Amino acid sequence: MPGAQLSWSVHVAPSIPTEIADLPPDVPRRMWSPITATLITGERDAVLVDALMTAEQADRLADWVAASGMNLTTVFVTHGHGDHWFGLGTLLERFPGARAVATPAVVEQMKKQMAPEFVESFWDKRFPGQIPDRLVAAEPLAGDRLELEGHDLVVVGLGHTDTDDTTCLHVPSIGLVVAGDAVYNDVHLYLAESPAEGRRAWLDALDTIAALEPEAVVAGHKNPDRPDDPKAIAETRRYIHDFEAVAERTTTTLDLYRGMLELHPGRVNRGALWGSARSAKG
């Protein structure tokens, strides 16, 4: 029998500077988008979804989890991008009774991200001296469910969203979807890995999430001032459609960037939009 009703809370690591020299004309320094980690709690135990990126972020996340007073049993990783799990080593050191899991496909993506040559060429260049020295991949999850005090936490495969082999975690008993990077909440989308067919796959993934009829959706990147409203699914879908339409009628990176800002002027992190536009137009 399930125990008491589950609860959840969200930790948002704020935007931090990144050493990327390619700047749009109206942005003095590139920033990394705010990142979320979600703690799902019962009466005693808890499951954490994603583990952030830098050593400082991971330490603060571990402090936040410890302050909950809960027994952390599991860390679930939604997808392979290092900014959502490079903090795993810190979490597992602070909570040695916990295990880290992800789907087998996500684990393979994690191994690619943690390869020393990729860390050096990509992550260390963007965040010099900030990436944890010890990177730990999750263990492959057998099946598609976690259990928390008798409640099912269902792993839903989404395929390509802002990268390959992504997943979300659905908690039916409380109407929650922790969406990873399939959903962005008032933050410019990272579309550099999503050309036309990737964007179509992403739209299919959004349909999959919407079909779960969630009451709350935690985006992998969110404006910390925004609620975790399921309308972020439709807003993410609209952004992708808008990007495709503006990309079709423009020829340069700058024109695509400006066209999207006309439609989405208030979203966090214009630098992410610039990177997406650069990828689409060269």
C-alpha atoms as a PDB file:
ATOM      1  CA  MET A   1       0.000   0.000   0.000  1.00  0.00           C
ATOM      2  CA  PRO A   2       1.289   3.495  -0.803  1.00  0.00           C
ATOM      3  CA  GLY A   3       2.220   5.663   2.129  1.00  0.00           C
ATOM      4  CA  ALA A   4       1.212   9.258   2.676  1.00  0.00           C
ATOM      5  CA  GLN A   5       0.839  11.588  -0.283  1.00  0.00           C
ATOM      6  CA  LEU A   6       4.121  12.628  -1.826  1.00  0.00           C
ATOM      7  CA  SER A   7       5.359  16.207  -1.973  1.00  0.00           C
ATOM      8  CA  TRP A   8       7.930  17.931  -4.160  1.00  0.00           C
ATOM      9  CA  SER A   9      10.079  21.029  -4.232  1.00  0.00           C
ATOM     10  CA  VAL A  10      12.406  22.611  -6.761  1.00  0.00           C
ATOM     11  CA  HIS A  11      15.908  23.996  -6.344  1.00  0.00           C
ATOM     12  CA  VAL A  12      16.958  26.434  -9.073  1.00  0.00           C
ATOM     13  CA  ALA A  13      20.647  27.109  -9.616  1.00  0.00           C
ATOM     14  CA  PRO A  14      20.798  30.664 -11.010  1.00  0.00           C
ATOM     15  CA  SER A  15      22.415  31.696 -14.274  1.00  0.00           C
ATOM     16  CA  ILE A  16      26.205  31.837 -14.159  1.00  0.00           C
ATOM     17  CA  PRO A  17      28.737  33.358 -16.582  1.00  0.00           C
ATOM     18  CA  THR A  18      30.258  31.120 -19.223  1.00  0.00           C
ATOM     19  CA  GLU A  19      33.422  31.691 -21.240  1.00  0.00           C
ATOM     20  CA  ILE A  20      31.860  31.783 -24.700  1.00  0.00           C
ATOM     21  CA  ALA A  21      33.247  34.567 -26.867  1.00  0.00           C
ATOM     22  CA  ASP A  22      30.535  34.509 -29.549  1.00  0.00           C
ATOM     23  CA  LEU A  23      28.154  37.258 -28.400  1.00  0.00           C
ATOM     24  CA  PRO A  24      24.983  38.743 -29.812  1.00  0.00           C
ATOM     25  CA  PRO A  25      25.153  42.527 -30.239  1.00  0.00           C
ATOM     26  CA  ASP A  26      22.998  43.302 -27.195  1.00  0.00           C
ATOM     27  CA  VAL A  27      24.591  40.897 -24.673  1.00  0.00           C
ATOM     28  CA  PRO A  28      27.883  41.870 -22.965  1.00  0.00           C
ATOM     29  CA  ARG A  29      28.608  38.375 -21.627  1.00  0.00           C
ATOM     30  CA  ARG A  30      27.224  34.920 -22.293  1.00  0.00           C
ATOM     31  CA  MET A  31      25.432  33.248 -19.407  1.00  0.00           C
ATOM     32  CA  TRP A  32      24.362  29.675 -18.756  1.00  0.00           C
ATOM     33  CA  SER A  33      20.652  29.193 -18.214  1.00  0.00           C
ATOM     34  CA  PRO A  34      19.287  28.529 -14.706  1.00  0.00           C
ATOM     35  CA  ILE A  35      19.081  24.786 -13.979  1.00  0.00           C
ATOM     36  CA  THR A  36      16.608  22.872 -11.834  1.00  0.00           C
ATOM     37  CA  ALA A  37      16.821  19.901  -9.506  1.00  0.00           C
ATOM     38  CA  THR A  38      13.635  18.451  -8.018  1.00  0.00           C
ATOM     39  CA  LEU A  39      13.230  16.654  -4.696  1.00  0.00           C
ATOM     40  CA  ILE A  40      10.251  14.310  -4.426  1.00  0.00           C
ATOM     41  CA  THR A  41       9.552  13.415  -0.809  1.00  0.00           C
ATOM     42  CA  GLY A  42       7.479  11.011   1.231  1.00  0.00           C
ATOM     43  CA  GLU A  43       7.277  10.766   5.008  1.00  0.00           C
ATOM     44  CA  ARG A  44      10.910   9.657   5.384  1.00  0.00           C
ATOM     45  CA  ASP A  45      12.527   9.054   1.999  1.00  0.00           C
ATOM     46  CA  ALA A  46      13.215  11.166  -1.063  1.00  0.00           C
ATOM     47  CA  VAL A  47      14.186  10.909  -4.723  1.00  0.00           C
ATOM     48  CA  LEU A  48      16.198  13.679  -6.360  1.00  0.00           C
ATOM     49  CA  VAL A  49      15.850  14.370 -10.070  1.00  0.00           C
ATOM     50  CA  ASP A  50      19.057  15.715 -11.649  1.00  0.00           C
ATOM     51  CA  ALA A  51      22.173  16.946  -9.878  1.00  0.00           C
ATOM     52  CA  LEU A  52      23.331  20.227 -11.466  1.00  0.00           C
ATOM     53  CA  MET A  53      26.795  20.964 -12.854  1.00  0.00           C
ATOM     54  CA  THR A  54      29.521  22.924 -11.063  1.00  0.00           C
ATOM     55  CA  ALA A  55      31.172  22.006  -7.783  1.00  0.00           C
ATOM     56  CA  GLU A  56      29.596  25.018  -6.091  1.00  0.00           C
ATOM     57  CA  GLN A  57      26.135  24.203  -7.445  1.00  0.00           C
ATOM     58  CA  ALA A  58      26.450  20.603  -6.269  1.00  0.00           C
ATOM     59  CA  ASP A  59      27.510  21.658  -2.768  1.00  0.00           C
ATOM     60  CA  ARG A  60      24.547  24.004  -2.466  1.00  0.00           C
ATOM     61  CA  LEU A  61      22.205  21.334  -3.790  1.00  0.00           C
ATOM     62  CA  ALA A  62      23.519  18.812  -1.267  1.00  0.00           C
ATOM     63  CA  ASP A  63      22.996  21.344   1.533  1.00  0.00           C
ATOM     64  CA  TRP A  64      19.428  21.913   0.328  1.00  0.00           C
ATOM     65  CA  VAL A  65      18.681  18.190   0.268  1.00  0.00           C
ATOM     66  CA  ALA A  66      20.227  17.742   3.724  1.00  0.00           C
ATOM     67  CA  ALA A  67      18.113  20.591   5.093  1.00  0.00           C
ATOM     68  CA  SER A  68      14.975  18.708   4.046  1.00  0.00           C
ATOM     69  CA  GLY A  69      15.746  16.089   6.693  1.00  0.00           C
ATOM     70  CA  MET A  70      14.803  13.338   4.247  1.00  0.00           C
ATOM     71  CA  ASN A  71      16.631  10.081   3.582  1.00  0.00           C
ATOM     72  CA  LEU A  72      17.821  10.374  -0.015  1.00  0.00           C
ATOM     73  CA  THR A  73      17.467   6.951  -1.626  1.00  0.00           C
ATOM     74  CA  THR A  74      17.872   7.727  -5.330  1.00  0.00           C
ATOM     75  CA  VAL A  75      19.116  10.322  -7.778  1.00  0.00           C
ATOM     76  CA  PHE A  76      17.478  10.008 -11.196  1.00  0.00           C
ATOM     77  CA  VAL A  77      19.131  11.654 -14.202  1.00  0.00           C
ATOM     78  CA  THR A  78      16.784  12.741 -16.990  1.00  0.00           C
ATOM     79  CA  HIS A  79      19.286  13.070 -19.842  1.00  0.00           C
ATOM     80  CA  GLY A  80      22.941  13.125 -20.754  1.00  0.00           C
ATOM     81  CA  HIS A  81      23.840  16.823 -20.762  1.00  0.00           C
ATOM     82  CA  GLY A  82      26.516  17.379 -18.122  1.00  0.00           C
ATOM     83  CA  ASP A  83      24.910  20.496 -16.674  1.00  0.00           C
ATOM     84  CA  HIS A  84      22.219  18.254 -15.198  1.00  0.00           C
ATOM     85  CA  TRP A  85      24.386  15.602 -13.568  1.00  0.00           C
ATOM     86  CA  PHE A  86      28.069  16.528 -13.169  1.00  0.00           C
ATOM     87  CA  GLY A  87      27.225  17.156  -9.509  1.00  0.00           C
ATOM     88  CA  LEU A  88      26.421  13.472  -8.950  1.00  0.00           C
ATOM     89  CA  GLY A  89      29.757  12.645  -7.328  1.00  0.00           C
ATOM     90  CA  THR A  90      29.201  15.295  -4.680  1.00  0.00           C
ATOM     91  CA  LEU A  91      25.663  14.087  -3.970  1.00  0.00           C
ATOM     92  CA  LEU A  92      26.740  10.465  -3.632  1.00  0.00           C
ATOM     93  CA  GLU A  93      29.569  11.424  -1.279  1.00  0.00           C
ATOM     94  CA  ARG A  94      27.201  13.429   0.910  1.00  0.00           C
ATOM     95  CA  PHE A  95      24.502  10.732   0.790  1.00  0.00           C
ATOM     96  CA  PRO A  96      26.354   7.401   0.592  1.00  0.00           C
ATOM     97  CA  GLY A  97      23.157   5.407   0.967  1.00  0.00           C
ATOM     98  CA  ALA A  98      21.739   6.792  -2.268  1.00  0.00           C
ATOM     99  CA  ARG A  99      22.085   5.301  -5.731  1.00  0.00           C
ATOM    100  CA  ALA A 100      22.162   7.155  -9.035  1.00  0.00           C
ATOM    101  CA  VAL A 101      20.165   5.735 -11.939  1.00  0.00           C
ATOM    102  CA  ALA A 102      19.161   6.590 -15.488  1.00  0.00           C
ATOM    103  CA  THR A 103      17.940   4.678 -18.499  1.00  0.00           C
ATOM    104  CA  PRO A 104      20.639   2.652 -20.275  1.00  0.00           C
ATOM    105  CA  ALA A 105      20.563   5.071 -23.223  1.00  0.00           C
ATOM    106  CA  VAL A 106      21.056   8.065 -20.932  1.00  0.00           C
ATOM    107  CA  VAL A 107      23.951   6.300 -19.196  1.00  0.00           C
ATOM    108  CA  GLU A 108      25.654   5.909 -22.577  1.00  0.00           C
ATOM    109  CA  GLN A 109      25.172   9.626 -23.252  1.00  0.00           C
ATOM    110  CA  MET A 110      26.611  10.410 -19.822  1.00  0.00           C
ATOM    111  CA  LYS A 111      29.722   8.383 -20.605  1.00  0.00           C
ATOM    112  CA  LYS A 112      30.262  10.451 -23.753  1.00  0.00           C
ATOM    113  CA  GLN A 113      29.898  13.693 -21.804  1.00  0.00           C
ATOM    114  CA  MET A 114      32.339  12.630 -19.095  1.00  0.00           C
ATOM    115  CA  ALA A 115      35.048  11.463 -21.501  1.00  0.00           C
ATOM    116  CA  PRO A 116      38.169  13.452 -20.537  1.00  0.00           C
ATOM    117  CA  GLU A 117      38.699  14.850 -24.015  1.00  0.00           C
ATOM    118  CA  PHE A 118      35.111  16.126 -24.178  1.00  0.00           C
ATOM    119  CA  VAL A 119      35.207  17.604 -20.681  1.00  0.00           C
ATOM    120  CA  GLU A 120      38.431  19.405 -21.565  1.00  0.00           C
ATOM    121  CA  SER A 121      37.298  20.678 -24.967  1.00  0.00           C
ATOM    122  CA  PHE A 122      33.740  21.650 -24.053  1.00  0.00           C
ATOM    123  CA  TRP A 123      32.968  21.979 -20.346  1.00  0.00           C
ATOM    124  CA  ASP A 124      36.311  23.133 -18.954  1.00  0.00           C
ATOM    125  CA  LYS A 125      36.561  25.813 -21.628  1.00  0.00           C
ATOM    126  CA  ARG A 126      33.169  27.173 -20.664  1.00  0.00           C
ATOM    127  CA  PHE A 127      33.579  26.816 -16.904  1.00  0.00           C
ATOM    128  CA  PRO A 128      37.318  26.819 -16.123  1.00  0.00           C
ATOM    129  CA  GLY A 129      38.078  25.489 -12.662  1.00  0.00           C
ATOM    130  CA  GLN A 130      34.405  24.881 -11.844  1.00  0.00           C
ATOM    131  CA  ILE A 131      33.609  21.365 -13.062  1.00  0.00           C
ATOM    132  CA  PRO A 132      33.974  18.755 -10.295  1.00  0.00           C
ATOM    133  CA  ASP A 133      37.163  16.708 -10.430  1.00  0.00           C
ATOM    134  CA  ARG A 134      35.246  13.474  -9.881  1.00  0.00           C
ATOM    135  CA  LEU A 135      32.556  12.705 -12.431  1.00  0.00           C
ATOM    136  CA  VAL A 136      30.363   9.677 -11.795  1.00  0.00           C
ATOM    137  CA  ALA A 137      27.881   8.181 -14.248  1.00  0.00           C
ATOM    138  CA  ALA A 138      24.577   6.730 -13.119  1.00  0.00           C
ATOM    139  CA  GLU A 139      23.812   3.016 -13.110  1.00  0.00           C
ATOM    140  CA  PRO A 140      21.488   1.674 -15.826  1.00  0.00           C
ATOM    141  CA  LEU A 141      17.943   1.377 -14.526  1.00  0.00           C
ATOM    142  CA  ALA A 142      16.235  -1.963 -15.038  1.00  0.00           C
ATOM    143  CA  GLY A 143      12.661  -1.311 -16.101  1.00  0.00           C
ATOM    144  CA  ASP A 144      10.788   1.961 -16.204  1.00  0.00           C
ATOM    145  CA  ARG A 145       9.837   2.625 -12.583  1.00  0.00           C
ATOM    146  CA  LEU A 146      11.224   3.858  -9.325  1.00  0.00           C
ATOM    147  CA  GLU A 147       9.397   3.396  -6.040  1.00  0.00           C
ATOM    148  CA  LEU A 148       9.053   5.899  -3.230  1.00  0.00           C
ATOM    149  CA  GLU A 149       7.174   4.722  -0.142  1.00  0.00           C
ATOM    150  CA  GLY A 150       4.843   2.593  -2.232  1.00  0.00           C
ATOM    151  CA  HIS A 151       4.270   5.212  -4.943  1.00  0.00           C
ATOM    152  CA  ASP A 152       5.341   4.623  -8.535  1.00  0.00           C
ATOM    153  CA  LEU A 153       7.620   7.133 -10.234  1.00  0.00           C
ATOM    154  CA  VAL A 154       7.400   6.292 -13.922  1.00  0.00           C
ATOM    155  CA  VAL A 155      10.259   6.888 -16.341  1.00  0.00           C
ATOM    156  CA  VAL A 156       8.934   8.046 -19.718  1.00  0.00           C
ATOM    157  CA  GLY A 157      11.202   7.828 -22.748  1.00  0.00           C
ATOM    158  CA  LEU A 158      11.011  10.942 -24.919  1.00  0.00           C
ATOM    159  CA  GLY A 159      13.679  10.394 -27.561  1.00  0.00           C
ATOM    160  CA  HIS A 160      15.230  13.556 -28.954  1.00  0.00           C
ATOM    161  CA  THR A 161      14.393  16.883 -27.331  1.00  0.00           C
ATOM    162  CA  ASP A 162      17.321  19.266 -26.843  1.00  0.00           C
ATOM    163  CA  THR A 163      19.602  16.219 -27.132  1.00  0.00           C
ATOM    164  CA  ASP A 164      19.225  12.509 -27.836  1.00  0.00           C
ATOM    165  CA  ASP A 165      17.697   9.822 -25.616  1.00  0.00           C
ATOM    166  CA  THR A 166      15.983  12.110 -23.129  1.00  0.00           C
ATOM    167  CA  THR A 167      13.440  11.121 -20.485  1.00  0.00           C
ATOM    168  CA  CYS A 168      11.069  12.623 -17.958  1.00  0.00           C
ATOM    169  CA  LEU A 169       9.817  11.328 -14.622  1.00  0.00           C
ATOM    170  CA  HIS A 170       6.059  11.077 -14.106  1.00  0.00           C
ATOM    171  CA  VAL A 171       4.582  10.846 -10.617  1.00  0.00           C
ATOM    172  CA  PRO A 172       0.935   9.942 -11.293  1.00  0.00           C
ATOM    173  CA  SER A 173      -0.199  10.074  -7.666  1.00  0.00           C
ATOM    174  CA  ILE A 174       0.477  13.825  -7.468  1.00  0.00           C
ATOM    175  CA  GLY A 175       0.115  14.793 -11.134  1.00  0.00           C
ATOM    176  CA  LEU A 176       3.773  15.791 -11.456  1.00  0.00           C
ATOM    177  CA  VAL A 177       6.085  15.568 -14.452  1.00  0.00           C
ATOM    178  CA  VAL A 178       9.755  16.410 -13.972  1.00  0.00           C
ATOM    179  CA  ALA A 179      10.465  17.093 -17.611  1.00  0.00           C
ATOM    180  CA  GLY A 180      14.204  17.595 -17.856  1.00  0.00           C
ATOM    181  CA  ASP A 181      15.096  19.593 -20.935  1.00  0.00           C
ATOM    182  CA  ALA A 182      12.014  18.526 -22.872  1.00  0.00           C
ATOM    183  CA  VAL A 183      10.291  21.606 -21.421  1.00  0.00           C
ATOM    184  CA  TYR A 184      11.722  25.096 -20.905  1.00  0.00           C
ATOM    185  CA  ASN A 185       9.899  27.542 -18.648  1.00  0.00           C
ATOM    186  CA  ASP A 186      10.417  31.161 -19.740  1.00  0.00           C
ATOM    187  CA  VAL A 187      14.020  30.441 -20.791  1.00  0.00           C
ATOM    188  CA  HIS A 188      15.272  30.503 -24.382  1.00  0.00           C
ATOM    189  CA  LEU A 189      15.547  26.976 -25.757  1.00  0.00           C
ATOM    190  CA  TYR A 190      18.848  25.315 -26.625  1.00  0.00           C
ATOM    191  CA  LEU A 191      18.267  24.241 -30.233  1.00  0.00           C
ATOM    192  CA  ALA A 192      21.859  23.775 -31.379  1.00  0.00           C
ATOM    193  CA  GLU A 193      21.477  19.971 -31.363  1.00  0.00           C
ATOM    194  CA  SER A 194      18.024  20.080 -32.940  1.00  0.00           C
ATOM    195  CA  PRO A 195      17.909  20.687 -36.688  1.00  0.00           C
ATOM    196  CA  ALA A 196      14.588  20.285 -38.483  1.00  0.00           C
ATOM    197  CA  GLU A 197      14.033  16.595 -37.807  1.00  0.00           C
ATOM    198  CA  GLY A 198      15.207  17.015 -34.222  1.00  0.00           C
ATOM    199  CA  ARG A 199      12.650  19.765 -33.705  1.00  0.00           C
ATOM    200  CA  ARG A 200       9.917  17.500 -35.069  1.00  0.00           C
ATOM    201  CA  ALA A 201      10.967  14.795 -32.615  1.00  0.00           C
ATOM    202  CA  TRP A 202      10.890  17.363 -29.812  1.00  0.00           C
ATOM    203  CA  LEU A 203       7.330  18.314 -30.718  1.00  0.00           C
ATOM    204  CA  ASP A 204       6.375  14.631 -30.519  1.00  0.00           C
ATOM    205  CA  ALA A 205       7.959  14.466 -27.065  1.00  0.00           C
ATOM    206  CA  LEU A 206       5.876  17.421 -25.932  1.00  0.00           C
ATOM    207  CA  ASP A 207       2.765  15.582 -27.112  1.00  0.00           C
ATOM    208  CA  THR A 208       3.839  12.604 -25.004  1.00  0.00           C
ATOM    209  CA  ILE A 209       4.149  14.790 -21.910  1.00  0.00           C
ATOM    210  CA  ALA A 210       0.862  16.579 -22.559  1.00  0.00           C
ATOM    211  CA  ALA A 211      -0.915  13.216 -22.865  1.00  0.00           C
ATOM    212  CA  LEU A 212       0.028  12.510 -19.244  1.00  0.00           C
ATOM    213  CA  GLU A 213      -2.249  15.433 -18.277  1.00  0.00           C
ATOM    214  CA  PRO A 214       0.076  16.705 -15.550  1.00  0.00           C
ATOM    215  CA  GLU A 215      -1.004  19.229 -12.959  1.00  0.00           C
ATOM    216  CA  ALA A 216       2.577  20.483 -12.553  1.00  0.00           C
ATOM    217  CA  VAL A 217       5.591  20.389 -14.864  1.00  0.00           C
ATOM    218  CA  VAL A 218       9.135  21.140 -13.723  1.00  0.00           C
ATOM    219  CA  ALA A 219      11.284  22.317 -16.620  1.00  0.00           C
ATOM    220  CA  GLY A 220      14.989  21.527 -16.740  1.00  0.00           C
ATOM    221  CA  HIS A 221      15.691  25.223 -17.277  1.00  0.00           C
ATOM    222  CA  LYS A 222      13.271  27.716 -15.769  1.00  0.00           C
ATOM    223  CA  ASN A 223      12.906  31.302 -14.752  1.00  0.00           C
ATOM    224  CA  PRO A 224      12.956  30.967 -10.950  1.00  0.00           C
ATOM    225  CA  ASP A 225      10.127  33.487 -10.705  1.00  0.00           C
ATOM    226  CA  ARG A 226       7.746  31.329 -12.745  1.00  0.00           C
ATOM    227  CA  PRO A 227       5.449  28.640 -11.306  1.00  0.00           C
ATOM    228  CA  ASP A 228       5.759  25.045 -12.491  1.00  0.00           C
ATOM    229  CA  ASP A 229       2.652  25.347 -14.620  1.00  0.00           C
ATOM    230  CA  PRO A 230       1.870  22.758 -17.312  1.00  0.00           C
ATOM    231  CA  LYS A 231       1.273  25.625 -19.745  1.00  0.00           C
ATOM    232  CA  ALA A 232       5.060  25.567 -20.188  1.00  0.00           C
ATOM    233  CA  ILE A 233       4.485  22.549 -22.460  1.00  0.00           C
ATOM    234  CA  ALA A 234       2.449  24.630 -24.912  1.00  0.00           C
ATOM    235  CA  GLU A 235       4.840  27.564 -24.561  1.00  0.00           C
ATOM    236  CA  THR A 236       7.780  25.326 -25.469  1.00  0.00           C
ATOM    237  CA  ARG A 237       5.838  23.990 -28.448  1.00  0.00           C
ATOM    238  CA  ARG A 238       5.023  27.528 -29.605  1.00  0.00           C
ATOM    239  CA  TYR A 239       8.679  28.545 -29.326  1.00  0.00           C
ATOM    240  CA  ILE A 240       9.769  25.663 -31.568  1.00  0.00           C
ATOM    241  CA  HIS A 241       7.094  26.490 -34.150  1.00  0.00           C
ATOM    242  CA  ASP A 242       8.113  30.153 -34.042  1.00  0.00           C
ATOM    243  CA  PHE A 243      11.787  29.277 -34.476  1.00  0.00           C
ATOM    244  CA  GLU A 244      10.986  27.213 -37.549  1.00  0.00           C
ATOM    245  CA  ALA A 245       8.842  29.966 -39.059  1.00  0.00           C
ATOM    246  CA  VAL A 246      11.394  32.713 -38.426  1.00  0.00           C
ATOM    247  CA  ALA A 247      14.253  30.513 -39.642  1.00  0.00           C
ATOM    248  CA  GLU A 248      12.345  29.919 -42.870  1.00  0.00           C
ATOM    249  CA  ARG A 249      11.968  33.614 -43.666  1.00  0.00           C
ATOM    250  CA  THR A 250      15.430  34.825 -42.575  1.00  0.00           C
ATOM    251  CA  THR A 251      18.914  34.309 -43.976  1.00  0.00           C
ATOM    252  CA  THR A 252      21.327  35.400 -41.240  1.00  0.00           C
ATOM    253  CA  THR A 253      22.000  34.561 -37.618  1.00  0.00           C
ATOM    254  CA  LEU A 254      21.227  38.128 -36.599  1.00  0.00           C
ATOM    255  CA  ASP A 255      17.917  38.244 -38.464  1.00  0.00           C
ATOM    256  CA  LEU A 256      16.793  34.967 -36.896  1.00  0.00           C
ATOM    257  CA  TYR A 257      17.871  36.185 -33.466  1.00  0.00           C
ATOM    258  CA  ARG A 258      16.037  39.491 -33.813  1.00  0.00           C
ATOM    259  CA  GLY A 259      12.944  37.831 -35.240  1.00  0.00           C
ATOM    260  CA  MET A 260      12.700  35.484 -32.268  1.00  0.00           C
ATOM    261  CA  LEU A 261      13.222  38.326 -29.801  1.00  0.00           C
ATOM    262  CA  GLU A 262      10.264  40.137 -31.320  1.00  0.00           C
ATOM    263  CA  LEU A 263       8.117  37.106 -30.489  1.00  0.00           C
ATOM    264  CA  HIS A 264       9.770  36.139 -27.192  1.00  0.00           C
ATOM    265  CA  PRO A 265      11.293  39.309 -25.738  1.00  0.00           C
ATOM    266  CA  GLY A 266      11.127  38.405 -22.059  1.00  0.00           C
ATOM    267  CA  ARG A 267      12.628  34.927 -21.891  1.00  0.00           C
ATOM    268  CA  VAL A 268      15.758  34.383 -19.814  1.00  0.00           C
ATOM    269  CA  ASN A 269      19.178  34.044 -21.490  1.00  0.00           C
ATOM    270  CA  ARG A 270      19.327  35.629 -24.920  1.00  0.00           C
ATOM    271  CA  GLY A 271      22.749  34.074 -25.359  1.00  0.00           C
ATOM    272  CA  ALA A 272      21.131  30.651 -25.658  1.00  0.00           C
ATOM    273  CA  LEU A 273      18.953  31.985 -28.475  1.00  0.00           C
ATOM    274  CA  TRP A 274      22.041  33.394 -30.188  1.00  0.00           C
ATOM    275  CA  GLY A 275      23.674  29.968 -30.042  1.00  0.00           C
ATOM    276  CA  SER A 276      20.585  28.345 -31.531  1.00  0.00           C
ATOM    277  CA  ALA A 277      20.425  30.936 -34.295  1.00  0.00           C
ATOM    278  CA  ARG A 278      24.133  30.517 -35.010  1.00  0.00           C
ATOM    279  CA  SER A 279      23.675  26.769 -35.317  1.00  0.00           C
ATOM    280  CA  ALA A 280      20.764  27.188 -37.711  1.00  0.00           C
ATOM    281  CA  LYS A 281      22.375  29.832 -39.935  1.00  0.00           C
ATOM    282  CA  GLY A 282      26.129  29.327 -39.491  1.00  0.00           C
END
